Amino acid sequence: MNLHAVRAIYRFEMARTGRTLMQSIVSPVISTSLYFVVFGAAIGSRIPHIEGISYGAFIVPGLVMLSLLTQSISNASFGIYFPKFTGTIYELLSAPISYLEIVVSYVGAAATKSVILGVIILITARLFVPLRIDHPVWMIVFLLLTAVTFSLLGFIIGIWADGFEKLQVIPLLIVTPLTFLGGSFYSIDILPPFWKTVALFNPVVYLISGFRWSFYGLADVDVGVSLAMTLVFLGLFIAIVAWIFKTGYRLKS
């Protein structure tokens, strides 16, 4: 592997975070803090506990996952779309660097930025609610797997998009609603049987459930199922990226 090329692209993408600090870090942290104020304080005062956990603490994993999913997609999609927009993608494709190294560079940088943001949000959450992490190793595993998986999805979206507006279509119209309906602010166990069954078809439920289990040992679905579903998404997105580079979809036209 051409580590010099990977490091160069990775460092360039990470440096862009410093130039867009307000958009990349400050804005998501402020938005998440507002969720704590509105849901944790206002609504949490009416819902004292969920399975022995204060409501404010209960929603922390869901809020972290919400930011992680949206920012992973956003970082990766813009990172690969901008070279397409400026035309420098052809220089990248003709450089002595493999497709694998291109993906590792862009997806690695996007996942790194998302994980950093997730850690900052966790630190911020401690200012509002008491937190505990029962399974720290599994928390890190779910955090990293989710960041990489949805950075791959963002990479795919960046290749697919032919305009800046399309970069936001899937995150805003699909991923964010699925996250809100995936148990970010409640346990799906409180839903009526029919709607609970419907909720199980929401893939984000498995991500949030596994991540919340790593904090409090509470899960809407078995943690093994959550991990398996995360790996399924990872494998699916890797296969799609491999197909994109094999066929040249939206790269050579």
Protein backbone atom coordinates (compact mmCIF):
# COMPACT_ATOMS: atom_id res chain seq x y z
CA MET A 1 0.00 0.00 0.00
CA ASN A 2 1.23 3.50 -0.89
CA LEU A 3 1.24 4.89 2.64
CA HIS A 4 2.69 8.22 1.52
CA ALA A 5 -0.29 8.85 -0.77
CA VAL A 6 -2.77 7.69 1.85
CA ARG A 7 -1.20 9.96 4.46
CA ALA A 8 -1.21 12.94 2.06
CA ILE A 9 -4.92 12.65 1.23
CA TYR A 10 -5.81 11.89 4.86
CA ARG A 11 -3.91 14.92 6.17
CA PHE A 12 -5.46 17.17 3.52
CA GLU A 13 -8.97 16.08 4.51
CA MET A 14 -8.23 16.46 8.22
CA ALA A 15 -6.79 19.93 7.61
CA ARG A 16 -10.11 20.93 6.01
CA THR A 17 -11.75 20.41 9.39
CA GLY A 18 -9.61 23.19 10.83
CA ARG A 19 -10.69 25.52 8.05
CA THR A 20 -14.38 24.73 8.61
CA LEU A 21 -14.32 24.37 12.39
CA MET A 22 -17.69 26.09 12.94
CA GLN A 23 -19.45 23.80 10.47
CA SER A 24 -17.57 20.60 11.32
CA ILE A 25 -17.43 20.69 15.11
CA VAL A 26 -19.00 23.71 16.78
CA SER A 27 -22.37 23.61 15.00
CA PRO A 28 -23.11 19.89 15.68
CA VAL A 29 -22.08 20.27 19.34
CA ILE A 30 -24.36 23.30 19.80
CA SER A 31 -27.24 21.47 18.10
CA THR A 32 -26.76 18.44 20.35
CA SER A 33 -26.61 20.68 23.43
CA LEU A 34 -29.98 22.14 22.43
CA TYR A 35 -31.38 18.61 22.27
CA PHE A 36 -30.22 18.08 25.85
CA VAL A 37 -31.87 21.31 26.94
CA VAL A 38 -35.18 20.65 25.15
CA PHE A 39 -35.52 16.90 25.57
CA GLY A 40 -33.39 16.31 28.64
CA ALA A 41 -34.67 19.20 30.75
CA ALA A 42 -38.14 20.03 29.42
CA ILE A 43 -39.40 16.57 28.49
CA GLY A 44 -37.10 14.72 30.90
CA SER A 45 -38.76 16.45 33.84
CA ARG A 46 -41.98 14.66 32.88
CA ILE A 47 -40.29 11.30 32.23
CA PRO A 48 -38.16 10.75 35.34
CA HIS A 49 -36.68 7.34 34.48
CA ILE A 50 -36.59 4.66 31.79
CA GLU A 51 -35.65 1.26 33.22
CA GLY A 52 -33.84 2.97 36.09
CA ILE A 53 -31.94 5.43 33.86
CA SER A 54 -32.71 9.15 33.91
CA TYR A 55 -34.27 10.28 30.66
CA GLY A 56 -31.49 12.77 30.01
CA ALA A 57 -28.86 10.04 30.29
CA PHE A 58 -31.00 7.58 28.31
CA ILE A 59 -31.02 9.76 25.19
CA VAL A 60 -27.25 10.37 25.15
CA PRO A 61 -26.38 7.30 22.99
CA GLY A 62 -29.15 8.20 20.55
CA LEU A 63 -27.93 11.78 20.24
CA VAL A 64 -24.34 10.66 19.72
CA MET A 65 -25.49 8.20 17.07
CA LEU A 66 -27.58 10.90 15.36
CA SER A 67 -24.55 13.17 15.07
CA LEU A 68 -22.27 10.28 14.13
CA LEU A 69 -24.46 9.11 11.26
CA THR A 70 -25.13 12.54 9.77
CA GLN A 71 -21.57 13.84 10.13
CA SER A 72 -19.97 10.64 8.80
CA ILE A 73 -22.10 10.88 5.68
CA SER A 74 -21.58 14.62 5.30
CA ASN A 75 -17.80 14.51 5.75
CA ALA A 76 -17.24 11.64 3.34
CA SER A 77 -19.71 12.77 0.68
CA PHE A 78 -18.31 16.30 0.47
CA GLY A 79 -14.74 15.04 0.64
CA ILE A 80 -15.04 12.96 -2.55
CA TYR A 81 -17.61 15.19 -4.31
CA PHE A 82 -15.44 18.31 -4.22
CA PRO A 83 -12.67 16.75 -6.40
CA LYS A 84 -15.41 15.74 -8.85
CA PHE A 85 -16.78 19.28 -8.84
CA THR A 86 -13.38 20.88 -9.46
CA GLY A 87 -12.20 18.21 -11.90
CA THR A 88 -9.22 17.15 -9.82
CA ILE A 89 -10.75 13.66 -9.49
CA TYR A 90 -9.08 12.78 -12.83
CA GLU A 91 -5.66 13.65 -11.44
CA LEU A 92 -6.42 11.44 -8.46
CA LEU A 93 -7.54 8.53 -10.65
CA SER A 94 -4.47 8.80 -12.87
CA ALA A 95 -2.04 9.04 -9.94
CA PRO A 96 -0.02 5.96 -8.85
CA ILE A 97 -2.52 5.16 -6.11
CA SER A 98 -4.97 2.28 -6.01
CA TYR A 99 -8.72 2.51 -5.54
CA LEU A 100 -8.33 0.88 -2.13
CA GLU A 101 -5.92 3.60 -1.04
CA ILE A 102 -8.31 6.31 -2.24
CA VAL A 103 -11.17 4.82 -0.24
CA VAL A 104 -9.04 4.28 2.87
CA SER A 105 -7.86 7.89 2.74
CA TYR A 106 -11.23 9.59 2.34
CA VAL A 107 -13.27 7.21 4.47
CA GLY A 108 -10.58 7.12 7.16
CA ALA A 109 -10.50 10.91 7.40
CA ALA A 110 -14.31 11.18 7.50
CA ALA A 111 -14.58 8.46 10.16
CA THR A 112 -11.84 10.08 12.25
CA LYS A 113 -13.62 13.43 12.23
CA SER A 114 -16.92 11.78 13.17
CA VAL A 115 -15.35 9.85 16.06
CA ILE A 116 -13.71 13.04 17.37
CA LEU A 117 -17.09 14.76 17.21
CA GLY A 118 -18.74 11.84 19.00
CA VAL A 119 -16.19 12.02 21.82
CA ILE A 120 -16.70 15.79 22.14
CA ILE A 121 -20.46 15.27 22.36
CA LEU A 122 -19.98 12.64 25.08
CA ILE A 123 -17.82 15.08 27.04
CA THR A 124 -20.45 17.79 26.54
CA ALA A 125 -23.19 15.40 27.68
CA ARG A 126 -21.45 14.97 31.04
CA LEU A 127 -22.08 18.67 31.66
CA PHE A 128 -25.82 18.02 31.50
CA VAL A 129 -26.40 14.49 32.79
CA PRO A 130 -24.56 11.79 34.76
CA LEU A 131 -23.15 9.14 32.45
CA ARG A 132 -21.79 5.67 32.86
CA ILE A 133 -20.31 3.27 30.33
CA ASP A 134 -20.73 -0.35 31.40
CA HIS A 135 -18.94 -1.80 28.36
CA PRO A 136 -16.32 0.73 27.18
CA VAL A 137 -14.63 -1.66 24.73
CA TRP A 138 -17.92 -2.41 22.99
CA MET A 139 -18.77 1.29 23.00
CA ILE A 140 -15.56 1.97 21.07
CA VAL A 141 -16.27 -0.96 18.71
CA PHE A 142 -19.77 0.30 17.87
CA LEU A 143 -18.49 3.88 17.57
CA LEU A 144 -15.74 2.94 15.11
CA LEU A 145 -17.83 0.48 13.09
CA THR A 146 -20.68 2.95 12.72
CA ALA A 147 -18.35 5.81 11.75
CA VAL A 148 -16.59 3.71 9.09
CA THR A 149 -19.83 2.18 7.78
CA PHE A 150 -21.62 5.48 7.27
CA SER A 151 -18.51 7.20 5.98
CA LEU A 152 -18.59 4.54 3.25
CA LEU A 153 -22.24 5.43 2.63
CA GLY A 154 -21.24 9.09 2.43
CA PHE A 155 -18.49 8.20 -0.05
CA ILE A 156 -21.08 6.43 -2.20
CA ILE A 157 -23.40 9.44 -2.03
CA GLY A 158 -20.54 11.76 -3.00
CA ILE A 159 -19.85 9.65 -6.10
CA TRP A 160 -23.56 9.43 -6.97
CA ALA A 161 -24.39 13.11 -6.50
CA ASP A 162 -24.18 15.41 -9.51
CA GLY A 163 -24.99 18.56 -7.54
CA PHE A 164 -24.45 19.99 -4.08
CA GLU A 165 -28.16 19.70 -3.26
CA LYS A 166 -28.07 15.92 -3.77
CA LEU A 167 -25.42 15.59 -1.05
CA GLN A 168 -28.13 16.39 1.52
CA VAL A 169 -31.03 14.41 0.07
CA ILE A 170 -30.32 11.04 1.70
CA PRO A 171 -29.04 12.40 5.06
CA LEU A 172 -31.99 14.79 5.49
CA LEU A 173 -34.85 12.79 3.97
CA ILE A 174 -33.85 9.25 4.92
CA VAL A 175 -31.11 8.91 7.55
CA THR A 176 -32.26 11.65 9.97
CA PRO A 177 -35.94 10.51 10.03
CA LEU A 178 -34.86 6.89 10.49
CA THR A 179 -32.67 7.96 13.40
CA PHE A 180 -35.48 9.86 15.10
CA LEU A 181 -37.79 6.87 14.59
CA GLY A 182 -35.10 4.40 15.59
CA GLY A 183 -35.31 4.82 19.34
CA SER A 184 -33.03 7.83 19.82
CA PHE A 185 -35.42 9.40 22.33
CA TYR A 186 -37.38 6.37 23.50
CA SER A 187 -37.28 2.61 23.81
CA ILE A 188 -39.22 0.78 21.11
CA ASP A 189 -40.46 -1.53 23.87
CA ILE A 190 -43.00 1.18 24.80
CA LEU A 191 -44.58 1.01 21.33
CA PRO A 192 -47.72 -1.04 20.62
CA PRO A 193 -46.92 -4.52 19.26
CA PHE A 194 -47.68 -3.60 15.62
CA TRP A 195 -45.50 -0.48 15.61
CA LYS A 196 -42.74 -2.28 17.46
CA THR A 197 -42.68 -4.86 14.66
CA VAL A 198 -42.58 -2.06 12.10
CA ALA A 199 -39.72 -0.40 13.99
CA LEU A 200 -37.64 -3.56 13.72
CA PHE A 201 -37.49 -2.99 9.95
CA ASN A 202 -35.68 0.29 10.65
CA PRO A 203 -31.94 -0.51 10.36
CA VAL A 204 -30.96 2.38 12.64
CA VAL A 205 -32.77 0.67 15.56
CA TYR A 206 -30.03 -1.96 15.66
CA LEU A 207 -27.24 0.63 15.67
CA ILE A 208 -28.74 2.70 18.49
CA SER A 209 -29.73 -0.36 20.51
CA GLY A 210 -26.22 -1.82 20.44
CA PHE A 211 -24.64 1.52 21.24
CA ARG A 212 -27.02 2.12 24.16
CA TRP A 213 -26.33 -1.38 25.49
CA SER A 214 -22.63 -0.51 25.71
CA PHE A 215 -23.55 2.34 28.06
CA TYR A 216 -26.24 0.95 30.34
CA GLY A 217 -26.67 -2.71 29.47
CA LEU A 218 -30.12 -1.90 28.03
CA ALA A 219 -31.05 -2.97 24.52
CA ASP A 220 -34.19 -3.11 22.40
CA VAL A 221 -32.71 -6.03 20.43
CA ASP A 222 -30.01 -8.56 21.25
CA VAL A 223 -26.55 -6.99 21.11
CA GLY A 224 -25.30 -9.81 18.90
CA VAL A 225 -27.99 -8.97 16.36
CA SER A 226 -26.99 -5.29 16.54
CA LEU A 227 -23.35 -6.14 15.85
CA ALA A 228 -24.30 -8.50 13.02
CA MET A 229 -26.50 -5.88 11.36
CA THR A 230 -23.73 -3.29 11.60
CA LEU A 231 -21.33 -5.70 9.89
CA VAL A 232 -23.95 -6.44 7.21
CA PHE A 233 -24.21 -2.71 6.40
CA LEU A 234 -20.43 -2.45 6.35
CA GLY A 235 -20.12 -5.37 3.95
CA LEU A 236 -22.90 -4.01 1.72
CA PHE A 237 -21.31 -0.57 1.40
CA ILE A 238 -17.86 -2.08 0.73
CA ALA A 239 -19.40 -4.14 -2.08
CA ILE A 240 -21.06 -1.06 -3.59
CA VAL A 241 -17.81 0.94 -3.46
CA ALA A 242 -15.97 -1.95 -5.11
CA TRP A 243 -18.61 -2.02 -7.87
CA ILE A 244 -18.30 1.75 -8.39
CA PHE A 245 -14.56 1.54 -9.02
CA LYS A 246 -14.89 -1.61 -11.11
CA THR A 247 -17.46 -0.04 -13.45
CA GLY A 248 -16.29 3.59 -13.21
CA TYR A 249 -19.83 4.68 -12.26
CA ARG A 250 -19.97 8.50 -12.12
CA LEU A 251 -16.16 8.60 -12.16
CA LYS A 252 -15.27 8.36 -15.83
CA SER A 253 -18.16 10.34 -17.25
